[in-house]
C-alpha atoms as a PDB file:
ATOM      1  CA  MET A   1      12.921   7.988 -18.607  1.00  0.00           C
ATOM      2  CA  SER A   2      10.524   6.922 -21.344  1.00  0.00           C
ATOM      3  CA  ALA A   3       8.998   3.464 -21.792  1.00  0.00           C
ATOM      4  CA  GLU A   4      11.324   2.882 -24.741  1.00  0.00           C
ATOM      5  CA  GLU A   5      14.417   3.839 -22.712  1.00  0.00           C
ATOM      6  CA  PHE A   6      13.270   1.636 -19.841  1.00  0.00           C
ATOM      7  CA  GLN A   7      12.692  -1.310 -22.204  1.00  0.00           C
ATOM      8  CA  SER A   8      16.262  -0.975 -23.501  1.00  0.00           C
ATOM      9  CA  LEU A   9      17.747  -1.401 -19.984  1.00  0.00           C
ATOM     10  CA  PRO A  10      19.162  -4.798 -18.938  1.00  0.00           C
ATOM     11  CA  ILE A  11      16.924  -7.260 -17.058  1.00  0.00           C
ATOM     12  CA  ASP A  12      16.620  -6.571 -13.297  1.00  0.00           C
ATOM     13  CA  SER A  13      17.434  -2.884 -13.750  1.00  0.00           C
ATOM     14  CA  ILE A  14      15.864  -0.622 -11.114  1.00  0.00           C
ATOM     15  CA  ALA A  15      14.513   2.847 -11.835  1.00  0.00           C
ATOM     16  CA  ARG A  16      13.476   5.132  -8.968  1.00  0.00           C
ATOM     17  CA  SER A  17      11.074   8.053  -8.945  1.00  0.00           C
ATOM     18  CA  GLU A  18      12.505  11.443  -8.055  1.00  0.00           C
ATOM     19  CA  ASP A  19      10.614  11.491  -4.750  1.00  0.00           C
ATOM     20  CA  GLY A  20      11.782   7.955  -3.860  1.00  0.00           C
ATOM     21  CA  LYS A  21       8.229   6.695  -3.359  1.00  0.00           C
ATOM     22  CA  MET A  22       8.204   4.359  -6.352  1.00  0.00           C
ATOM     23  CA  LEU A  23      10.596   1.791  -7.782  1.00  0.00           C
ATOM     24  CA  ILE A  24      10.185  -0.029 -11.078  1.00  0.00           C
ATOM     25  CA  VAL A  25      12.194  -3.210 -11.635  1.00  0.00           C
ATOM     26  CA  LYS A  26      12.442  -4.489 -15.183  1.00  0.00           C
ATOM     27  CA  ARG A  27      11.823  -8.223 -15.387  1.00  0.00           C
ATOM     28  CA  LYS A  28      11.957 -10.317 -18.525  1.00  0.00           C
ATOM     29  CA  LEU A  29       8.221 -10.433 -19.357  1.00  0.00           C
ATOM     30  CA  TYR A  30       6.834  -7.824 -16.950  1.00  0.00           C
ATOM     31  CA  TRP A  31       7.789  -4.882 -14.753  1.00  0.00           C
ATOM     32  CA  ASP A  32       7.576  -4.905 -10.969  1.00  0.00           C
ATOM     33  CA  ILE A  33       6.394  -1.707  -9.352  1.00  0.00           C
ATOM     34  CA  LEU A  34       7.100  -1.188  -5.678  1.00  0.00           C
ATOM     35  CA  CYS A  35       5.067   1.636  -4.130  1.00  0.00           C
ATOM     36  CA  ALA A  36       6.016   3.086  -0.757  1.00  0.00           C
ATOM     37  CA  THR A  37       3.196   2.715   1.741  1.00  0.00           C
ATOM     38  CA  CYS A  38       2.201   4.415   4.951  1.00  0.00           C
ATOM     39  CA  GLY A  39       0.275   2.547   7.610  1.00  0.00           C
ATOM     40  CA  ASN A  40      -0.296  -1.134   8.215  1.00  0.00           C
ATOM     41  CA  PRO A  41      -2.340  -3.093   5.627  1.00  0.00           C
ATOM     42  CA  ASP A  42      -1.645  -6.300   7.606  1.00  0.00           C
ATOM     43  CA  ASN A  43      -4.122  -4.986  10.190  1.00  0.00           C
ATOM     44  CA  PRO A  44      -7.607  -5.423   8.634  1.00  0.00           C
ATOM     45  CA  GLN A  45      -8.988  -2.531  10.686  1.00  0.00           C
ATOM     46  CA  GLY A  46      -6.136  -0.223   9.717  1.00  0.00           C
ATOM     47  CA  ARG A  47      -5.937   2.006   6.693  1.00  0.00           C
ATOM     48  CA  TYR A  48      -2.934   2.614   4.534  1.00  0.00           C
ATOM     49  CA  LEU A  49      -1.860   4.815   1.691  1.00  0.00           C
ATOM     50  CA  CYS A  50      -0.089   3.465  -1.351  1.00  0.00           C
ATOM     51  CA  ILE A  51       1.457   5.904  -3.802  1.00  0.00           C
ATOM     52  CA  THR A  52       0.257   4.186  -6.961  1.00  0.00           C
ATOM     53  CA  TYR A  53       0.362   6.813  -9.651  1.00  0.00           C
ATOM     54  CA  ASN A  54       3.092   9.411  -9.891  1.00  0.00           C
ATOM     55  CA  GLU A  55       2.235  11.590 -12.891  1.00  0.00           C
ATOM     56  CA  ASN A  56       5.841  12.585 -13.515  1.00  0.00           C
ATOM     57  CA  TYR A  57       7.296   9.084 -13.303  1.00  0.00           C
ATOM     58  CA  LEU A  58       4.974   6.135 -13.813  1.00  0.00           C
ATOM     59  CA  SER A  59       3.211   7.845 -16.717  1.00  0.00           C
ATOM     60  CA  ARG A  60       6.520   7.941 -18.631  1.00  0.00           C
ATOM     61  CA  VAL A  61       6.849   4.162 -18.383  1.00  0.00           C
ATOM     62  CA  PHE A  62       3.206   3.037 -18.236  1.00  0.00           C
ATOM     63  CA  GLY A  63       1.518   5.730 -20.314  1.00  0.00           C
ATOM     64  CA  THR A  64      -1.680   7.526 -19.411  1.00  0.00           C
ATOM     65  CA  ALA A  65      -4.057   5.606 -17.161  1.00  0.00           C
ATOM     66  CA  VAL A  66      -7.204   5.250 -19.259  1.00  0.00           C
ATOM     67  CA  ASN A  67      -9.334   2.616 -17.501  1.00  0.00           C
ATOM     68  CA  SER A  68      -9.325   1.495 -13.895  1.00  0.00           C
ATOM     69  CA  TYR A  69     -11.551  -1.219 -12.476  1.00  0.00           C
ATOM     70  CA  THR A  70     -11.677  -4.025  -9.913  1.00  0.00           C
ATOM     71  CA  ASN A  71     -12.071  -7.743 -10.654  1.00  0.00           C
ATOM     72  CA  TYR A  72     -13.239 -10.325  -8.144  1.00  0.00           C
ATOM     73  CA  VAL A  73     -11.832 -13.803  -8.780  1.00  0.00           C
ATOM     74  CA  THR A  74     -13.697 -16.531  -6.904  1.00  0.00           C
ATOM     75  CA  GLY A  75     -11.838 -19.475  -5.415  1.00  0.00           C
ATOM     76  CA  GLY A  76     -10.568 -21.933  -8.013  1.00  0.00           C
ATOM     77  CA  ASP A  77     -11.322 -19.621 -10.956  1.00  0.00           C
ATOM     78  CA  THR A  78      -8.942 -18.468 -13.677  1.00  0.00           C
ATOM     79  CA  ILE A  79      -9.365 -15.218 -15.589  1.00  0.00           C
ATOM     80  CA  ALA A  80      -7.760 -13.535 -18.597  1.00  0.00           C
ATOM     81  CA  LYS A  81      -5.826 -16.097 -20.751  1.00  0.00           C
ATOM     82  CA  HIS A  82      -5.289 -13.464 -23.425  1.00  0.00           C
ATOM     83  CA  PHE A  83      -3.045 -10.607 -24.544  1.00  0.00           C
ATOM     84  CA  HIS A  84      -3.451  -7.139 -26.022  1.00  0.00           C
ATOM     85  CA  LYS A  85      -1.431  -5.464 -28.764  1.00  0.00           C
ATOM     86  CA  LYS A  86      -2.515  -1.877 -28.091  1.00  0.00           C
ATOM     87  CA  PHE A  87      -2.094  -1.309 -24.346  1.00  0.00           C
ATOM     88  CA  ARG A  88      -0.325  -2.243 -21.107  1.00  0.00           C
ATOM     89  CA  GLU A  89      -2.079  -3.474 -17.970  1.00  0.00           C
ATOM     90  CA  LEU A  90      -1.157  -2.772 -14.366  1.00  0.00           C
ATOM     91  CA  PHE A  91      -2.281  -5.331 -11.747  1.00  0.00           C
ATOM     92  CA  ARG A  92      -2.419  -5.015  -7.951  1.00  0.00           C
ATOM     93  CA  VAL A  93      -3.933  -7.631  -5.649  1.00  0.00           C
ATOM     94  CA  GLU A  94      -5.882  -5.940  -2.863  1.00  0.00           C
ATOM     95  CA  SER A  95      -6.937  -9.001  -0.863  1.00  0.00           C
ATOM     96  CA  LEU A  96      -4.565 -10.150   1.863  1.00  0.00           C
ATOM     97  CA  THR A  97      -6.046 -13.642   2.180  1.00  0.00           C
ATOM     98  CA  SER A  98      -6.157 -14.638  -1.500  1.00  0.00           C
ATOM     99  CA  PRO A  99      -3.046 -14.240  -3.623  1.00  0.00           C
ATOM    100  CA  LEU A 100      -3.249 -14.866  -7.348  1.00  0.00           C
ATOM    101  CA  LEU A 101      -0.991 -17.150  -9.336  1.00  0.00           C
ATOM    102  CA  VAL A 102       0.159 -15.178 -12.375  1.00  0.00           C
ATOM    103  CA  THR A 103       1.317 -16.887 -15.558  1.00  0.00           C
ATOM    104  CA  LEU A 104       2.842 -14.786 -18.325  1.00  0.00           C
ATOM    105  CA  LYS A 105       3.979 -16.000 -21.738  1.00  0.00           C
ATOM    106  CA  ASP A 106       5.387 -14.294 -24.785  1.00  0.00           C
ATOM    107  CA  PRO A 107       3.523 -15.815 -27.776  1.00  0.00           C
ATOM    108  CA  ALA A 108       6.403 -14.863 -30.090  1.00  0.00           C
ATOM    109  CA  THR A 109       9.236 -16.515 -28.119  1.00  0.00           C
ATOM    110  CA  SER A 110       7.406 -18.933 -25.772  1.00  0.00           C
ATOM    111  CA  GLU A 111       9.277 -17.387 -22.802  1.00  0.00           C
ATOM    112  CA  ARG A 112       7.270 -17.955 -19.641  1.00  0.00           C
ATOM    113  CA  ALA A 113       7.116 -16.603 -16.088  1.00  0.00           C
ATOM    114  CA  GLU A 114       5.024 -17.792 -13.136  1.00  0.00           C
ATOM    115  CA  PHE A 115       4.778 -16.153  -9.720  1.00  0.00           C
ATOM    116  CA  GLU A 116       2.419 -15.293  -6.874  1.00  0.00           C
ATOM    117  CA  LEU A 117       1.038 -11.781  -6.581  1.00  0.00           C
ATOM    118  CA  ASP A 118      -0.526 -10.828  -3.270  1.00  0.00           C
ATOM    119  CA  GLY A 119      -1.537  -7.792  -1.238  1.00  0.00           C
ATOM    120  CA  ARG A 120       1.109  -8.187   1.460  1.00  0.00           C
ATOM    121  CA  LEU A 121       3.896  -5.675   1.868  1.00  0.00           C
ATOM    122  CA  ILE A 122       7.518  -6.255   0.908  1.00  0.00           C
ATOM    123  CA  GLU A 123      10.329  -5.030   3.182  1.00  0.00           C
ATOM    124  CA  PHE A 124      13.026  -3.246   1.150  1.00  0.00           C
ATOM    125  CA  GLU A 125      15.491  -0.522   2.147  1.00  0.00           C
ATOM    126  CA  SER A 126      13.869  -0.350   5.627  1.00  0.00           C
ATOM    127  CA  LYS A 127      10.535   0.657   4.074  1.00  0.00           C
ATOM    128  CA  LYS A 128       7.307  -1.181   3.342  1.00  0.00           C
ATOM    129  CA  TRP A 129       6.368  -1.492  -0.327  1.00  0.00           C
ATOM    130  CA  LEU A 130       3.271  -2.781  -2.082  1.00  0.00           C
ATOM    131  CA  ARG A 131       3.916  -4.738  -5.268  1.00  0.00           C
ATOM    132  CA  GLU A 132       2.164  -4.143  -8.568  1.00  0.00           C
ATOM    133  CA  ILE A 133       3.086  -5.432 -12.006  1.00  0.00           C
ATOM    134  CA  ILE A 134       2.878  -3.997 -15.498  1.00  0.00           C
ATOM    135  CA  VAL A 135       2.221  -6.479 -18.293  1.00  0.00           C
ATOM    136  CA  PRO A 136       3.470  -4.954 -21.574  1.00  0.00           C
ATOM    137  CA  GLU A 137       1.669  -5.143 -24.889  1.00  0.00           C
ATOM    138  CA  GLY A 138       1.901  -8.560 -26.570  1.00  0.00           C
ATOM    139  CA  ILE A 139       2.472 -10.583 -23.364  1.00  0.00           C
ATOM    140  CA  ALA A 140      -0.239 -13.153 -22.607  1.00  0.00           C
ATOM    141  CA  HIS A 141      -1.449 -13.300 -19.020  1.00  0.00           C
ATOM    142  CA  LYS A 142      -3.481 -15.691 -16.909  1.00  0.00           C
ATOM    143  CA  LEU A 143      -4.558 -15.072 -13.303  1.00  0.00           C
ATOM    144  CA  HIS A 144      -5.610 -18.038 -11.150  1.00  0.00           C
ATOM    145  CA  ASN A 145      -7.034 -18.016  -7.621  1.00  0.00           C
ATOM    146  CA  PRO A 146      -6.009 -21.336  -5.998  1.00  0.00           C
ATOM    147  CA  ASN A 147      -7.782 -20.513  -2.710  1.00  0.00           C
ATOM    148  CA  SER A 148     -11.384 -20.706  -1.513  1.00  0.00           C
ATOM    149  CA  ASN A 149     -11.563 -16.976  -0.670  1.00  0.00           C
ATOM    150  CA  VAL A 150     -12.352 -14.330  -3.267  1.00  0.00           C
ATOM    151  CA  ALA A 151      -9.277 -12.538  -4.620  1.00  0.00           C
ATOM    152  CA  VAL A 152      -9.630  -8.826  -5.357  1.00  0.00           C
ATOM    153  CA  ILE A 153      -7.465  -7.359  -8.115  1.00  0.00           C
ATOM    154  CA  ALA A 154      -7.230  -3.733  -9.224  1.00  0.00           C
ATOM    155  CA  VAL A 155      -6.578  -3.310 -12.940  1.00  0.00           C
ATOM    156  CA  THR A 156      -5.452  -0.159 -14.738  1.00  0.00           C
ATOM    157  CA  THR A 157      -4.963  -0.003 -18.497  1.00  0.00           C
ATOM    158  CA  SER A 158      -3.018   2.392 -20.697  1.00  0.00           C
ATOM    159  CA  GLY A 159      -5.608   2.238 -23.484  1.00  0.00           C
ATOM    160  CA  GLN A 160      -9.321   1.926 -24.097  1.00  0.00           C
ATOM    161  CA  HIS A 161     -10.702  -1.609 -24.016  1.00  0.00           C
ATOM    162  CA  ASP A 162     -11.387  -2.840 -27.544  1.00  0.00           C
ATOM    163  CA  THR A 163     -12.873  -6.288 -28.169  1.00  0.00           C
ATOM    164  CA  ASP A 164     -10.792  -6.495 -31.374  1.00  0.00           C
ATOM    165  CA  ASP A 165      -7.631  -6.180 -29.215  1.00  0.00           C
ATOM    166  CA  VAL A 166      -8.307  -9.216 -27.002  1.00  0.00           C
ATOM    167  CA  PHE A 167      -6.377 -12.217 -28.342  1.00  0.00           C
ATOM    168  CA  SER A 168      -7.199 -15.504 -26.590  1.00  0.00           C
ATOM    169  CA  PHE A 169      -4.146 -17.528 -25.611  1.00  0.00           C
ATOM    170  CA  GLU A 170      -4.159 -20.875 -23.794  1.00  0.00           C
ATOM    171  CA  MET A 171      -1.400 -21.460 -21.266  1.00  0.00           C
END
């Protein structure tokens, strides 16, 4: 399924990878990605594996992963407050103690979504899943850390960063 085909599906549609290790749920302003995990990330000493990039599946919806980096958001800080026209962004919180409050807004329609994104696992279909989100092109995003601990967020983009493609947007 291509990104265009996925975008044409109704809201809350679920697409599953062929190997069953990844689900993508279409939301109104973003896409939820649930990645099957092995291990126990709730145990700080434990290690776990998250299937985050399936070349044959996620790349059809997300595109090619071009940049990947980690941001550290200190307690009380807010980052982003912008949108891009040329690429999608994939976010995954990697800190268990500091979730981020995510605000998304479509500048064209003023539609808005707010939710918490954290590093804890979700129980679904008797499996543990780690949640990531894809923010499509043109959707403004703001990430706020309401806690005193540092929040760690992994970011992957589907295009090269270009300062001319960063459009500030207050929310």
